Amino acid sequence: LRVNYVFQFCSLWRTRATESGPMASSSTAEQKCAVVESTEEYKYVERLIPPTKIPTPPLHDGPAPSGWRPPSAVTPDLPYMVRRSRLHNVPVYTDLTHGNRKTTLLRKIEGDIWALENDVKEYLVQLTGKIPLTQVNEVTMSIRIKGHFDKELKEWLLEKGF
């Protein structure tokens, strides 16, 4: 980055030196603005550049110290699939709008989204004793559930093998 700024400054200085009249010569301007490119210090620049690809997580037999668990090796035999997020997490999120409207969002659903909605409703009825209000969005392949059930749904999806 510093080399680029030095180059821009030197090229600006060169144009001003050539425009200033017959007394200035471009050869002296080029001699004063010699740019040295050093590859030895580039390792410090590489540390600052973010990675272009998120690395695959290491394989664990059980949960990691952070509590993260990998998906099961065998995909469950269900009519739907819930993919992991780009950071390899279960895509269940909570939202709080208007100060008191609590919702849970389940994303990255593939396959029969209506079968997943029925299974989620059955699980939450067993958990709370009430039928939860749900909204299925087939375009974005997501399900929105009224209430905060992120921990329960994440655990349920991990038990199913997603």
Protein backbone atom coordinates (compact mmCIF):
# COMPACT_ATOMS: atom_id res chain seq x y z
CA LEU A 1 0.00 0.00 0.00
CA ARG A 2 2.82 2.38 0.87
CA VAL A 3 4.52 1.64 -2.44
CA ASN A 4 1.38 2.72 -4.29
CA TYR A 5 1.25 6.06 -2.44
CA VAL A 6 4.94 6.68 -3.13
CA PHE A 7 4.36 5.92 -6.80
CA GLN A 8 1.41 8.33 -6.98
CA PHE A 9 3.40 11.08 -5.25
CA CYS A 10 6.39 10.58 -7.54
CA SER A 11 4.27 10.63 -10.68
CA LEU A 12 2.58 13.83 -9.47
CA TRP A 13 5.98 15.37 -8.74
CA ARG A 14 7.23 14.30 -12.18
CA THR A 15 4.33 15.98 -13.97
CA ARG A 16 4.81 19.20 -12.00
CA ALA A 17 8.54 19.17 -12.70
CA THR A 18 8.02 18.78 -16.45
CA GLU A 19 5.30 21.43 -16.54
CA SER A 20 7.34 24.04 -14.68
CA GLY A 21 9.29 25.20 -17.72
CA PRO A 22 12.56 24.81 -19.58
CA MET A 23 14.69 24.94 -16.41
CA ALA A 24 13.37 21.62 -15.06
CA SER A 25 14.47 18.42 -16.69
CA SER A 26 12.55 15.18 -16.48
CA SER A 27 15.73 13.12 -16.06
CA THR A 28 16.54 14.76 -12.71
CA ALA A 29 12.96 14.26 -11.57
CA GLU A 30 13.16 10.56 -12.37
CA GLN A 31 16.44 10.26 -10.48
CA LYS A 32 14.92 11.79 -7.33
CA CYS A 33 11.85 9.51 -7.40
CA ALA A 34 13.34 6.06 -7.56
CA VAL A 35 10.86 3.49 -6.25
CA VAL A 36 12.21 0.39 -4.58
CA GLU A 37 9.90 -2.62 -4.48
CA SER A 38 10.65 -4.85 -1.52
CA THR A 39 9.14 -8.31 -1.36
CA GLU A 40 10.56 -9.01 2.10
CA GLU A 41 8.09 -6.72 3.87
CA TYR A 42 5.10 -7.98 1.88
CA LYS A 43 4.51 -10.72 4.47
CA TYR A 44 3.33 -7.97 6.84
CA VAL A 45 0.83 -6.76 4.24
CA GLU A 46 -0.47 -10.31 3.66
CA ARG A 47 -1.37 -10.57 7.35
CA LEU A 48 -3.78 -7.64 6.94
CA ILE A 49 -5.56 -8.97 3.85
CA PRO A 50 -8.68 -10.94 4.87
CA PRO A 51 -8.94 -14.52 3.57
CA THR A 52 -11.03 -15.02 0.45
CA LYS A 53 -12.37 -18.40 1.57
CA ILE A 54 -13.58 -19.54 4.96
CA PRO A 55 -11.61 -22.64 5.93
CA THR A 56 -13.41 -25.90 6.58
CA PRO A 57 -13.66 -26.65 10.29
CA PRO A 58 -11.59 -29.48 11.73
CA LEU A 59 -13.36 -32.78 12.31
CA HIS A 60 -14.45 -33.37 15.91
CA ASP A 61 -15.81 -36.51 17.49
CA GLY A 62 -17.91 -34.51 19.91
CA PRO A 63 -18.66 -30.85 20.43
CA ALA A 64 -15.83 -28.33 20.15
CA PRO A 65 -14.82 -26.30 23.23
CA SER A 66 -17.03 -23.49 21.92
CA GLY A 67 -20.06 -25.82 21.78
CA TRP A 68 -20.07 -26.05 17.97
CA ARG A 69 -20.94 -29.46 16.56
CA PRO A 70 -20.31 -30.69 13.02
CA PRO A 71 -23.19 -32.07 10.97
CA SER A 72 -23.60 -35.83 11.03
CA ALA A 73 -21.73 -37.80 8.37
CA VAL A 74 -24.96 -39.43 7.17
CA THR A 75 -27.64 -37.03 5.96
CA PRO A 76 -31.05 -37.71 7.50
CA ASP A 77 -33.64 -39.42 5.30
CA LEU A 78 -36.19 -36.60 5.36
CA PRO A 79 -38.03 -34.78 2.56
CA TYR A 80 -36.22 -31.55 3.51
CA MET A 81 -32.66 -30.41 4.18
CA VAL A 82 -31.35 -27.52 6.28
CA ARG A 83 -27.94 -26.36 5.05
CA ARG A 84 -25.36 -24.73 7.30
CA SER A 85 -24.47 -21.05 6.97
CA ARG A 86 -21.22 -19.96 5.33
CA LEU A 87 -19.58 -19.97 8.77
CA HIS A 88 -20.75 -23.60 9.28
CA ASN A 89 -23.40 -22.70 11.87
CA VAL A 90 -27.03 -23.85 12.09
CA PRO A 91 -29.10 -21.10 10.35
CA VAL A 92 -31.54 -20.25 13.14
CA TYR A 93 -31.79 -16.57 14.06
CA THR A 94 -33.88 -14.43 16.43
CA ASP A 95 -35.33 -11.03 15.70
CA LEU A 96 -36.85 -8.36 17.92
CA THR A 97 -38.89 -5.68 16.16
CA HIS A 98 -41.06 -2.84 17.46
CA GLY A 99 -39.62 -3.36 20.94
CA ASN A 100 -41.68 -6.45 21.78
CA ARG A 101 -42.28 -8.59 18.65
CA LYS A 102 -40.07 -11.66 19.08
CA THR A 103 -39.60 -13.97 16.11
CA THR A 104 -37.32 -16.85 15.18
CA LEU A 105 -36.13 -17.29 11.61
CA LEU A 106 -35.12 -20.66 10.18
CA ARG A 107 -33.23 -20.26 6.87
CA LYS A 108 -31.44 -22.28 4.16
CA ILE A 109 -34.21 -24.86 3.77
CA GLU A 110 -34.17 -27.13 0.73
CA GLY A 111 -36.83 -29.63 -0.29
CA ASP A 112 -40.32 -29.86 1.20
CA ILE A 113 -40.53 -26.72 3.33
CA TRP A 114 -44.12 -27.55 4.38
CA ALA A 115 -43.04 -30.89 5.89
CA LEU A 116 -40.40 -29.05 7.92
CA GLU A 117 -43.00 -26.55 9.09
CA ASN A 118 -45.24 -29.40 10.31
CA ASP A 119 -42.32 -31.07 12.11
CA VAL A 120 -41.32 -27.75 13.74
CA LYS A 121 -44.92 -27.18 14.85
CA GLU A 122 -45.13 -30.69 16.35
CA TYR A 123 -41.87 -30.16 18.23
CA LEU A 124 -42.87 -26.74 19.57
CA VAL A 125 -46.33 -28.01 20.62
CA GLN A 126 -44.59 -30.72 22.69
CA LEU A 127 -42.26 -28.07 24.11
CA THR A 128 -44.72 -25.27 24.92
CA GLY A 129 -48.16 -26.88 24.82
CA LYS A 130 -49.40 -24.25 22.34
CA ILE A 131 -49.59 -24.23 18.55
CA PRO A 132 -47.02 -21.66 17.39
CA LEU A 133 -47.79 -19.13 14.69
CA THR A 134 -45.58 -19.72 11.64
CA GLN A 135 -45.03 -18.03 8.31
CA VAL A 136 -43.52 -19.99 5.39
CA ASN A 137 -41.73 -18.07 2.65
CA GLU A 138 -41.16 -20.34 -0.34
CA VAL A 139 -39.21 -17.72 -2.29
CA THR A 140 -36.52 -17.18 0.37
CA MET A 141 -36.91 -20.78 1.62
CA SER A 142 -37.33 -19.70 5.22
CA ILE A 143 -39.78 -20.16 8.08
CA ARG A 144 -40.58 -17.43 10.60
CA ILE A 145 -41.96 -18.52 14.00
CA LYS A 146 -43.53 -16.22 16.58
CA GLY A 147 -41.43 -16.30 19.76
CA HIS A 148 -37.77 -16.88 20.56
CA PHE A 149 -37.00 -20.58 20.07
CA ASP A 150 -33.46 -20.35 18.69
CA LYS A 151 -31.72 -22.57 21.25
CA GLU A 152 -34.45 -25.20 21.15
CA LEU A 153 -34.60 -25.32 17.34
CA LYS A 154 -30.80 -25.43 16.99
CA GLU A 155 -30.61 -28.36 19.38
CA TRP A 156 -33.50 -30.10 17.62
CA LEU A 157 -31.88 -29.67 14.19
CA LEU A 158 -28.53 -30.95 15.52
CA GLU A 159 -30.28 -34.03 16.95
CA LYS A 160 -31.83 -34.66 13.52
CA GLY A 161 -28.35 -34.56 11.95
CA PHE A 162 -28.23 -31.18 10.19
